[in-house]
Amino acid sequence: MGKLAIKAGKIIGGGIASALGWAAGEKAVGK
């Protein structure tokens, strides 16, 4: 259970990080 929770947390955390990075990139490009 613990390993699955860590894996899920990493996936969720990575999704948030990539979404923020994508939004920052869009702002930088000016779209």
N, C-alpha and C. Protein backbone atom coordinates (compact mmCIF):
# COMPACT_ATOMS: atom_id res chain seq x y z
N MET A 1 0.84 -1.20 0.00
CA MET A 1 0.00 0.00 0.00
C MET A 1 0.88 1.26 0.00
N GLY A 2 1.91 1.25 0.84
CA GLY A 2 2.77 2.43 0.93
C GLY A 2 3.45 2.76 -0.39
N LYS A 3 3.96 1.71 -1.08
CA LYS A 3 4.65 1.94 -2.35
C LYS A 3 3.70 2.51 -3.39
N LEU A 4 2.46 1.99 -3.40
CA LEU A 4 1.48 2.49 -4.36
C LEU A 4 1.16 3.96 -4.09
N ALA A 5 1.05 4.30 -2.80
CA ALA A 5 0.74 5.68 -2.43
C ALA A 5 1.86 6.61 -2.88
N ILE A 6 3.11 6.17 -2.70
CA ILE A 6 4.25 6.99 -3.12
C ILE A 6 4.23 7.16 -4.64
N LYS A 7 3.96 6.05 -5.35
CA LYS A 7 3.93 6.10 -6.82
C LYS A 7 2.83 7.05 -7.30
N ALA A 8 1.65 6.95 -6.68
CA ALA A 8 0.53 7.82 -7.06
C ALA A 8 0.88 9.27 -6.77
N GLY A 9 1.52 9.52 -5.64
CA GLY A 9 1.91 10.88 -5.28
C GLY A 9 2.89 11.46 -6.29
N LYS A 10 3.83 10.62 -6.74
CA LYS A 10 4.81 11.09 -7.73
C LYS A 10 4.13 11.42 -9.06
N ILE A 11 3.17 10.58 -9.46
CA ILE A 11 2.46 10.80 -10.72
C ILE A 11 1.64 12.09 -10.64
N ILE A 12 0.93 12.26 -9.51
CA ILE A 12 0.10 13.46 -9.33
C ILE A 12 1.01 14.70 -9.26
N GLY A 13 2.08 14.59 -8.49
CA GLY A 13 3.02 15.71 -8.36
C GLY A 13 3.63 16.07 -9.70
N GLY A 14 4.01 15.05 -10.48
CA GLY A 14 4.59 15.29 -11.80
C GLY A 14 3.60 15.96 -12.73
N GLY A 15 2.33 15.54 -12.63
CA GLY A 15 1.28 16.14 -13.48
C GLY A 15 1.10 17.61 -13.17
N ILE A 16 1.11 17.94 -11.88
CA ILE A 16 0.96 19.35 -11.48
C ILE A 16 2.18 20.14 -11.95
N ALA A 17 3.37 19.58 -11.79
CA ALA A 17 4.60 20.27 -12.17
C ALA A 17 4.62 20.52 -13.68
N SER A 18 4.24 19.52 -14.47
CA SER A 18 4.26 19.69 -15.92
C SER A 18 3.18 20.67 -16.37
N ALA A 19 2.04 20.68 -15.68
CA ALA A 19 0.97 21.62 -16.03
C ALA A 19 1.44 23.05 -15.74
N LEU A 20 2.10 23.24 -14.61
CA LEU A 20 2.62 24.57 -14.26
C LEU A 20 3.71 24.98 -15.26
N GLY A 21 4.57 24.04 -15.60
CA GLY A 21 5.64 24.32 -16.56
C GLY A 21 5.07 24.68 -17.92
N TRP A 22 4.03 23.97 -18.34
CA TRP A 22 3.39 24.24 -19.63
C TRP A 22 2.75 25.63 -19.62
N ALA A 23 2.07 25.98 -18.50
CA ALA A 23 1.44 27.29 -18.39
C ALA A 23 2.50 28.39 -18.43
N ALA A 24 3.61 28.17 -17.76
CA ALA A 24 4.70 29.16 -17.76
C ALA A 24 5.26 29.31 -19.17
N GLY A 25 5.40 28.20 -19.88
CA GLY A 25 5.90 28.24 -21.25
C GLY A 25 4.95 29.00 -22.16
N GLU A 26 3.66 28.77 -22.01
CA GLU A 26 2.65 29.46 -22.82
C GLU A 26 2.73 30.97 -22.58
N LYS A 27 2.88 31.36 -21.29
CA LYS A 27 2.99 32.79 -20.95
C LYS A 27 4.24 33.38 -21.57
N ALA A 28 5.36 32.65 -21.50
CA ALA A 28 6.63 33.14 -22.03
C ALA A 28 6.53 33.34 -23.54
N VAL A 29 5.85 32.41 -24.22
CA VAL A 29 5.70 32.50 -25.67
C VAL A 29 4.71 33.61 -26.03
N GLY A 30 3.74 33.84 -25.14
CA GLY A 30 2.79 34.92 -25.34
C GLY A 30 1.56 34.50 -26.12
N LYS A 31 1.21 33.19 -26.06
CA LYS A 31 0.03 32.70 -26.79
C LYS A 31 -1.23 33.06 -26.02
